[in-house]
Structure formats: C-alpha cells, structure tokens
C-alpha atoms as a PDB file:
ATOM      1  CA  MET A   1      24.664 -38.540 -12.097  1.00  0.00           C
ATOM      2  CA  ILE A   2      22.180 -36.444 -10.105  1.00  0.00           C
ATOM      3  CA  ILE A   3      22.074 -37.680  -6.413  1.00  0.00           C
ATOM      4  CA  ALA A   4      19.186 -35.682  -4.731  1.00  0.00           C
ATOM      5  CA  ILE A   5      19.328 -35.202  -0.864  1.00  0.00           C
ATOM      6  CA  ASP A   6      16.785 -33.878   0.965  1.00  0.00           C
ATOM      7  CA  GLY A   7      15.540 -33.058   4.464  1.00  0.00           C
ATOM      8  CA  PRO A   8      14.887 -30.466   7.157  1.00  0.00           C
ATOM      9  CA  ALA A   9      17.218 -27.993   8.644  1.00  0.00           C
ATOM     10  CA  GLY A  10      19.972 -29.451  11.090  1.00  0.00           C
ATOM     11  CA  ALA A  11      19.330 -33.074   9.821  1.00  0.00           C
ATOM     12  CA  GLY A  12      23.062 -33.633   8.363  1.00  0.00           C
ATOM     13  CA  LYS A  13      22.118 -33.310   5.031  1.00  0.00           C
ATOM     14  CA  SER A  14      24.794 -30.596   3.919  1.00  0.00           C
ATOM     15  CA  THR A  15      27.460 -32.706   5.751  1.00  0.00           C
ATOM     16  CA  VAL A  16      26.398 -36.028   4.137  1.00  0.00           C
ATOM     17  CA  ALA A  17      26.076 -34.206   0.518  1.00  0.00           C
ATOM     18  CA  ARG A  18      29.422 -32.484   1.103  1.00  0.00           C
ATOM     19  CA  ARG A  19      31.184 -35.841   2.037  1.00  0.00           C
ATOM     20  CA  LEU A  20      29.613 -37.621  -1.150  1.00  0.00           C
ATOM     21  CA  ALA A  21      30.507 -34.931  -3.363  1.00  0.00           C
ATOM     22  CA  GLU A  22      34.350 -35.189  -2.052  1.00  0.00           C
ATOM     23  CA  GLU A  23      34.106 -39.016  -2.364  1.00  0.00           C
ATOM     24  CA  LEU A  24      32.830 -39.350  -5.778  1.00  0.00           C
ATOM     25  CA  GLY A  25      34.330 -35.925  -7.506  1.00  0.00           C
ATOM     26  CA  PHE A  26      30.841 -34.743  -8.293  1.00  0.00           C
ATOM     27  CA  GLN A  27      30.065 -31.047  -8.210  1.00  0.00           C
ATOM     28  CA  LEU A  28      28.244 -29.938  -4.866  1.00  0.00           C
ATOM     29  CA  ILE A  29      25.087 -27.656  -5.176  1.00  0.00           C
ATOM     30  CA  ASP A  30      23.872 -26.139  -2.271  1.00  0.00           C
ATOM     31  CA  THR A  31      20.257 -25.071  -3.007  1.00  0.00           C
ATOM     32  CA  GLY A  32      19.853 -23.592   0.252  1.00  0.00           C
ATOM     33  CA  ALA A  33      22.701 -21.193  -0.119  1.00  0.00           C
ATOM     34  CA  MET A  34      21.108 -20.014  -3.456  1.00  0.00           C
ATOM     35  CA  PHE A  35      17.744 -19.033  -1.376  1.00  0.00           C
ATOM     36  CA  ARG A  36      20.050 -17.565   1.435  1.00  0.00           C
ATOM     37  CA  THR A  37      21.523 -15.267  -1.466  1.00  0.00           C
ATOM     38  CA  VAL A  38      18.623 -14.239  -2.831  1.00  0.00           C
ATOM     39  CA  ALA A  39      17.373 -13.334   0.866  1.00  0.00           C
ATOM     40  CA  PHE A  40      20.369 -11.526   1.373  1.00  0.00           C
ATOM     41  CA  GLU A  41      20.395  -9.412  -1.750  1.00  0.00           C
ATOM     42  CA  SER A  42      16.789  -8.636  -1.402  1.00  0.00           C
ATOM     43  CA  GLU A  43      17.304  -7.379   1.966  1.00  0.00           C
ATOM     44  CA  ARG A  44      20.350  -5.215   0.682  1.00  0.00           C
ATOM     45  CA  ALA A  45      18.386  -4.084  -2.054  1.00  0.00           C
ATOM     46  CA  GLY A  46      15.632  -2.904   0.297  1.00  0.00           C
ATOM     47  CA  LEU A  47      12.720  -5.125  -1.244  1.00  0.00           C
ATOM     48  CA  ASP A  48       9.659  -5.977   0.835  1.00  0.00           C
ATOM     49  CA  LEU A  49      10.487  -9.751   0.833  1.00  0.00           C
ATOM     50  CA  TYR A  50       6.695 -10.519   1.035  1.00  0.00           C
ATOM     51  CA  ASP A  51       6.673  -8.903  -2.890  1.00  0.00           C
ATOM     52  CA  GLU A  52       6.710 -11.834  -5.073  1.00  0.00           C
ATOM     53  CA  GLN A  53       7.350 -10.302  -8.110  1.00  0.00           C
ATOM     54  CA  ALA A  54      10.200  -7.939  -7.103  1.00  0.00           C
ATOM     55  CA  VAL A  55      12.242 -10.662  -5.334  1.00  0.00           C
ATOM     56  CA  ALA A  56      11.723 -12.949  -8.133  1.00  0.00           C
ATOM     57  CA  ALA A  57      12.858 -10.158 -10.695  1.00  0.00           C
ATOM     58  CA  LEU A  58      15.985  -9.821  -8.745  1.00  0.00           C
ATOM     59  CA  ALA A  59      16.406 -13.749  -8.411  1.00  0.00           C
ATOM     60  CA  ARG A  60      16.636 -13.839 -12.189  1.00  0.00           C
ATOM     61  CA  ARG A  61      19.522 -11.133 -12.596  1.00  0.00           C
ATOM     62  CA  LEU A  62      21.680 -13.637 -10.555  1.00  0.00           C
ATOM     63  CA  CYS A  63      24.021 -16.050 -11.811  1.00  0.00           C
ATOM     64  CA  PHE A  64      25.082 -18.734  -9.602  1.00  0.00           C
ATOM     65  CA  GLU A  65      28.398 -21.190  -9.593  1.00  0.00           C
ATOM     66  CA  PHE A  66      29.449 -23.362  -6.939  1.00  0.00           C
ATOM     67  CA  ARG A  67      33.593 -23.748  -6.455  1.00  0.00           C
ATOM     68  CA  TRP A  68      35.919 -25.826  -4.315  1.00  0.00           C
ATOM     69  CA  GLU A  69      38.151 -23.414  -2.539  1.00  0.00           C
ATOM     70  CA  ALA A  70      40.538 -24.763  -0.057  1.00  0.00           C
ATOM     71  CA  GLY A  71      38.270 -27.418   0.994  1.00  0.00           C
ATOM     72  CA  ASP A  72      35.238 -25.261   1.012  1.00  0.00           C
ATOM     73  CA  ASN A  73      32.146 -25.352  -1.506  1.00  0.00           C
ATOM     74  CA  VAL A  74      31.706 -21.854  -1.928  1.00  0.00           C
ATOM     75  CA  VAL A  75      28.767 -20.009  -3.661  1.00  0.00           C
ATOM     76  CA  TYR A  76      29.480 -17.362  -6.149  1.00  0.00           C
ATOM     77  CA  CYS A  77      26.658 -14.759  -6.926  1.00  0.00           C
ATOM     78  CA  ASN A  78      27.437 -12.640 -10.051  1.00  0.00           C
ATOM     79  CA  GLY A  79      30.886 -13.561  -9.817  1.00  0.00           C
ATOM     80  CA  VAL A  80      31.496 -12.586  -5.937  1.00  0.00           C
ATOM     81  CA  ALA A  81      31.732 -15.094  -3.261  1.00  0.00           C
ATOM     82  CA  MET A  82      29.217 -15.443  -0.659  1.00  0.00           C
ATOM     83  CA  GLN A  83      30.521 -16.228   2.806  1.00  0.00           C
ATOM     84  CA  GLN A  84      29.303 -15.611   6.382  1.00  0.00           C
ATOM     85  CA  GLU A  85      27.005 -13.026   5.110  1.00  0.00           C
ATOM     86  CA  ILE A  86      24.321 -15.654   4.299  1.00  0.00           C
ATOM     87  CA  ARG A  87      24.600 -17.749   7.080  1.00  0.00           C
ATOM     88  CA  SER A  88      23.018 -15.731   9.723  1.00  0.00           C
ATOM     89  CA  ALA A  89      19.971 -16.468  11.637  1.00  0.00           C
ATOM     90  CA  GLU A  90      18.165 -13.448   9.981  1.00  0.00           C
ATOM     91  CA  VAL A  91      19.201 -14.634   6.457  1.00  0.00           C
ATOM     92  CA  SER A  92      17.956 -17.992   7.309  1.00  0.00           C
ATOM     93  CA  ARG A  93      14.534 -16.507   8.349  1.00  0.00           C
ATOM     94  CA  ASN A  94      14.424 -14.555   5.371  1.00  0.00           C
ATOM     95  CA  ALA A  95      15.286 -17.245   2.963  1.00  0.00           C
ATOM     96  CA  SER A  96      12.324 -19.351   4.616  1.00  0.00           C
ATOM     97  CA  ILE A  97       9.887 -16.481   3.833  1.00  0.00           C
ATOM     98  CA  ILE A  98      11.060 -15.894  -0.004  1.00  0.00           C
ATOM     99  CA  SER A  99      11.389 -19.772  -0.335  1.00  0.00           C
ATOM    100  CA  ALA A 100       7.613 -20.038   0.105  1.00  0.00           C
ATOM    101  CA  LEU A 101       6.867 -17.382  -3.062  1.00  0.00           C
ATOM    102  CA  PRO A 102       5.835 -19.715  -6.096  1.00  0.00           C
ATOM    103  CA  ALA A 103       7.646 -16.962  -8.498  1.00  0.00           C
ATOM    104  CA  VAL A 104      10.781 -17.071  -6.632  1.00  0.00           C
ATOM    105  CA  ARG A 105      11.075 -20.756  -6.471  1.00  0.00           C
ATOM    106  CA  GLN A 106      10.464 -21.244 -10.273  1.00  0.00           C
ATOM    107  CA  VAL A 107      13.291 -18.931 -10.896  1.00  0.00           C
ATOM    108  CA  LEU A 108      15.411 -20.846  -8.946  1.00  0.00           C
ATOM    109  CA  LEU A 109      14.288 -24.183  -9.906  1.00  0.00           C
ATOM    110  CA  GLU A 110      15.392 -23.419 -13.345  1.00  0.00           C
ATOM    111  CA  GLN A 111      18.789 -22.218 -12.286  1.00  0.00           C
ATOM    112  CA  GLN A 112      19.484 -25.166 -10.054  1.00  0.00           C
ATOM    113  CA  ARG A 113      18.385 -27.643 -13.005  1.00  0.00           C
ATOM    114  CA  GLU A 114      20.704 -25.426 -15.298  1.00  0.00           C
ATOM    115  CA  VAL A 115      23.878 -25.770 -13.022  1.00  0.00           C
ATOM    116  CA  GLY A 116      22.891 -29.459 -12.017  1.00  0.00           C
ATOM    117  CA  ARG A 117      22.927 -30.594 -15.769  1.00  0.00           C
ATOM    118  CA  GLU A 118      26.800 -28.855 -16.128  1.00  0.00           C
ATOM    119  CA  ARG A 119      28.203 -32.082 -14.779  1.00  0.00           C
ATOM    120  CA  SER A 120      27.606 -34.695 -12.199  1.00  0.00           C
ATOM    121  CA  SER A 121      26.352 -33.315  -9.228  1.00  0.00           C
ATOM    122  CA  VAL A 122      24.950 -33.803  -5.636  1.00  0.00           C
ATOM    123  CA  LEU A 123      22.189 -31.236  -4.834  1.00  0.00           C
ATOM    124  CA  GLU A 124      20.971 -31.144  -1.150  1.00  0.00           C
ATOM    125  CA  GLY A 125      17.807 -29.047   0.032  1.00  0.00           C
ATOM    126  CA  ARG A 126      14.211 -29.567   0.746  1.00  0.00           C
ATOM    127  CA  ASP A 127      12.625 -30.673  -2.644  1.00  0.00           C
ATOM    128  CA  ILE A 128      15.412 -32.019  -4.884  1.00  0.00           C
ATOM    129  CA  GLY A 129      13.935 -35.669  -5.265  1.00  0.00           C
ATOM    130  CA  THR A 130      10.318 -34.493  -5.722  1.00  0.00           C
ATOM    131  CA  VAL A 131      10.518 -31.146  -7.807  1.00  0.00           C
ATOM    132  CA  ILE A 132      13.979 -30.185  -8.985  1.00  0.00           C
ATOM    133  CA  PHE A 133      15.115 -33.719 -10.188  1.00  0.00           C
ATOM    134  CA  PRO A 134      12.625 -36.144  -9.675  1.00  0.00           C
ATOM    135  CA  ASP A 135      14.227 -38.584 -12.110  1.00  0.00           C
ATOM    136  CA  ALA A 136      17.759 -38.369 -10.131  1.00  0.00           C
ATOM    137  CA  GLU A 137      19.343 -41.589 -10.166  1.00  0.00           C
ATOM    138  CA  LEU A 138      19.729 -41.515  -6.186  1.00  0.00           C
ATOM    139  CA  LYS A 139      17.569 -39.901  -3.606  1.00  0.00           C
ATOM    140  CA  ALA A 140      17.851 -39.656   0.053  1.00  0.00           C
ATOM    141  CA  PHE A 141      15.720 -37.814   2.672  1.00  0.00           C
ATOM    142  CA  ILE A 142      17.615 -37.412   5.910  1.00  0.00           C
ATOM    143  CA  THR A 143      15.962 -36.290   9.104  1.00  0.00           C
ATOM    144  CA  ALA A 144      16.704 -36.245  13.187  1.00  0.00           C
ATOM    145  CA  SER A 145      14.746 -35.043  16.006  1.00  0.00           C
ATOM    146  CA  PRO A 146      13.999 -31.672  16.388  1.00  0.00           C
ATOM    147  CA  GLU A 147      16.316 -31.245  19.871  1.00  0.00           C
ATOM    148  CA  VAL A 148      19.254 -32.962  18.387  1.00  0.00           C
ATOM    149  CA  ARG A 149      18.926 -30.475  15.264  1.00  0.00           C
ATOM    150  CA  ALA A 150      18.689 -27.537  17.383  1.00  0.00           C
ATOM    151  CA  GLU A 151      22.053 -28.584  19.255  1.00  0.00           C
ATOM    152  CA  ARG A 152      23.856 -29.205  16.228  1.00  0.00           C
ATOM    153  CA  ARG A 153      23.020 -25.591  14.799  1.00  0.00           C
ATOM    154  CA  VAL A 154      23.890 -24.025  18.321  1.00  0.00           C
ATOM    155  CA  GLU A 155      27.081 -25.800  18.198  1.00  0.00           C
ATOM    156  CA  GLN A 156      27.901 -24.608  14.632  1.00  0.00           C
ATOM    157  CA  MET A 157      26.993 -21.025  14.806  1.00  0.00           C
ATOM    158  CA  CYS A 158      29.317 -21.321  18.171  1.00  0.00           C
ATOM    159  CA  GLU A 159      31.891 -22.645  15.925  1.00  0.00           C
ATOM    160  CA  GLN A 160      31.193 -19.474  13.701  1.00  0.00           C
ATOM    161  CA  GLY A 161      31.888 -16.801  16.656  1.00  0.00           C
ATOM    162  CA  LEU A 162      27.710 -16.256  16.512  1.00  0.00           C
ATOM    163  CA  GLU A 163      25.774 -15.853  19.698  1.00  0.00           C
ATOM    164  CA  ALA A 164      23.164 -18.443  19.846  1.00  0.00           C
ATOM    165  CA  SER A 165      20.591 -19.563  22.175  1.00  0.00           C
ATOM    166  CA  TYR A 166      19.222 -23.071  22.195  1.00  0.00           C
ATOM    167  CA  ASP A 167      16.023 -22.261  23.091  1.00  0.00           C
ATOM    168  CA  ASP A 168      15.589 -19.692  20.581  1.00  0.00           C
ATOM    169  CA  VAL A 169      16.995 -21.942  17.598  1.00  0.00           C
ATOM    170  CA  LEU A 170      14.951 -24.927  18.778  1.00  0.00           C
ATOM    171  CA  GLN A 171      11.839 -22.887  18.162  1.00  0.00           C
ATOM    172  CA  GLU A 172      13.189 -21.281  14.673  1.00  0.00           C
ATOM    173  CA  ILE A 173      13.712 -24.945  13.721  1.00  0.00           C
ATOM    174  CA  LEU A 174       9.959 -25.975  14.653  1.00  0.00           C
ATOM    175  CA  ASP A 175       8.711 -22.736  12.806  1.00  0.00           C
ATOM    176  CA  ARG A 176      10.685 -23.551   9.710  1.00  0.00           C
ATOM    177  CA  ASP A 177       9.385 -27.377   9.344  1.00  0.00           C
ATOM    178  CA  ARG A 178       6.116 -25.979  10.075  1.00  0.00           C
ATOM    179  CA  ARG A 179       6.437 -23.600   6.907  1.00  0.00           C
ATOM    180  CA  ASP A 180       8.430 -25.830   4.766  1.00  0.00           C
ATOM    181  CA  SER A 181       5.729 -28.655   5.387  1.00  0.00           C
ATOM    182  CA  GLU A 182       2.729 -26.582   4.940  1.00  0.00           C
ATOM    183  CA  ARG A 183       3.577 -24.667   2.133  1.00  0.00           C
ATOM    184  CA  GLU A 184       1.534 -25.016  -1.224  1.00  0.00           C
ATOM    185  CA  VAL A 185       4.327 -24.838  -3.628  1.00  0.00           C
ATOM    186  CA  ALA A 186       6.845 -27.553  -3.225  1.00  0.00           C
ATOM    187  CA  PRO A 187       6.362 -28.652   0.365  1.00  0.00           C
ATOM    188  CA  LEU A 188       9.192 -30.511   2.503  1.00  0.00           C
ATOM    189  CA  ARG A 189       8.399 -34.026   1.955  1.00  0.00           C
ATOM    190  CA  ARG A 190      10.009 -37.355   1.334  1.00  0.00           C
ATOM    191  CA  ALA A 191       9.817 -38.842  -2.253  1.00  0.00           C
ATOM    192  CA  ASP A 192       8.494 -42.179  -2.703  1.00  0.00           C
ATOM    193  CA  ASP A 193      11.633 -43.579  -3.796  1.00  0.00           C
ATOM    194  CA  ALA A 194      14.246 -41.832  -1.591  1.00  0.00           C
ATOM    195  CA  ILE A 195      15.960 -43.730   1.105  1.00  0.00           C
ATOM    196  CA  ALA A 196      14.828 -42.920   4.179  1.00  0.00           C
ATOM    197  CA  LEU A 197      17.328 -42.216   6.776  1.00  0.00           C
ATOM    198  CA  ASP A 198      17.552 -40.925  10.372  1.00  0.00           C
ATOM    199  CA  SER A 199      20.714 -39.373  11.952  1.00  0.00           C
ATOM    200  CA  THR A 200      19.435 -38.345  15.444  1.00  0.00           C
ATOM    201  CA  GLU A 201      21.447 -41.711  16.583  1.00  0.00           C
ATOM    202  CA  VAL A 202      23.312 -42.622  13.254  1.00  0.00           C
ATOM    203  CA  GLU A 203      26.991 -41.082  12.701  1.00  0.00           C
ATOM    204  CA  VAL A 204      27.060 -39.013   9.673  1.00  0.00           C
ATOM    205  CA  GLU A 205      29.864 -40.939   8.093  1.00  0.00           C
ATOM    206  CA  GLU A 206      27.696 -44.340   8.546  1.00  0.00           C
ATOM    207  CA  ILE A 207      25.156 -42.604   6.275  1.00  0.00           C
ATOM    208  CA  VAL A 208      27.515 -41.482   3.909  1.00  0.00           C
ATOM    209  CA  GLN A 209      29.071 -44.971   3.389  1.00  0.00           C
ATOM    210  CA  LEU A 210      25.738 -46.415   2.911  1.00  0.00           C
ATOM    211  CA  LEU A 211      24.851 -43.913   0.271  1.00  0.00           C
ATOM    212  CA  LEU A 212      28.056 -44.607  -1.331  1.00  0.00           C
ATOM    213  CA  ALA A 213      27.636 -48.302  -1.651  1.00  0.00           C
ATOM    214  CA  ALA A 214      24.041 -47.472  -3.304  1.00  0.00           C
ATOM    215  CA  VAL A 215      25.708 -45.317  -5.792  1.00  0.00           C
ATOM    216  CA  HIS A 216      28.420 -47.791  -6.652  1.00  0.00           C
ATOM    217  CA  ALA A 217      25.777 -50.531  -7.156  1.00  0.00           C
ATOM    218  CA  LEU A 218      23.810 -48.203  -9.501  1.00  0.00           C
ATOM    219  CA  ALA A 219      27.117 -48.010 -11.631  1.00  0.00           C
ATOM    220  CA  ILE A 220      27.537 -51.836 -11.825  1.00  0.00           C
ATOM    221  CA  PRO A 221      26.129 -52.843 -15.337  1.00  0.00           C
END
C-alpha cells in the first residue's frame, strides 16, 4: 500500500506521516530529505545549484535508504547517515532551488518510486499524490496558515539549538510557497482525490486517527 501525504512546509505533514508509518508498520520515505541531501551534496561539491545537468548527474550517483534508528527515521545516502547537516535553513533554501530543476526532479522521482515499491510505504512531500504515486491508495493534503507554520518551524529550530527569527522564517515560508506553487514542473497542489486537512487549529493526533480510520476502511473487503 502507498499512502501519499502532501502539503507545504510546516503544515504538520512530516509528523502525520511519521505517526502513520509507526502505527501501520510501514516504511517512511521523507522525499524532502532526499532533495535536501542532493542540495547538501551539491553545495559540498562546489556545484552551481542552477546548473541543472550537473546537479542531476550528482543526484544519479546517490543511493537512498530509510532506516528506523532509536525511534528516528534516518535517511542514508550512499551508506552514510544524513542528520542535522541537511536540516539547516540554508540547505532548505538550496533544496527549494534544485527542486525546481526538471532533470533533478526526474532523477529523484525514479528513486522515490523505486524505494517506495520495496514495501508498503508512507511518503510525504509536495507532489506525491499528483506525480510520484498518482495511483496511491490513500492521499492527503495537509495545510495550515503561514503564521502557524512559521511558529512551528521556529520552535523546531530552537529545540535543535539553532538560532531563528520568526519574521525571517515567515518570509522564507511565504517565498517557498510561492516558488513551489508557481514552478512549471510538479507544482504544489492538492490531488483531486486527496483528503483536504487543515492543521491550523486541529491537533495532529486527530488528523492521524482520521487517516488511520481511512486506511482501515480501505482494507475491509
């Protein structure tokens, strides 16, 4: 079974996807972590992030795997665990840049499908239900107000010991939303058959239970 969770940054889709994967015993594929890893490795290699073919060529050389370790879903790249180094604001901005490159998206699309087909999986991102797995058995699109998403992101960064300015984070979110929604290739949008959910004033656990009920309903003959 494939469960597709889409939505903008900070809407709670990562938490929902994680809880679903844990409850169902499914593999959890964080597609954003894959883009972040490509952005991180591209920067480390000294590549021009707007050089589509160079970044795509680097992406082809990367092999991804997701493992549960001590309660965390860790992405491995060529056998190396990627941790906080891919979670900085700079890497997030760079990931947004490379995610708009068609050749890079195509490479990662193929890798995401390959990893996802290995076993029942929950995938979260921005185009899972529309592009990566349009035939997913269950799709959800989770959103929240930009202000609430910025507050969550600042809190998360502070917990990680990172400095964060609410105004800067809010502007980054608004810019990211615009880029993701306006890009020509795989723009951020809700699939027609996706369940629309707003986490602005709804607890994440309530959303998780709603989706678990939907999964169990699908499993009934």
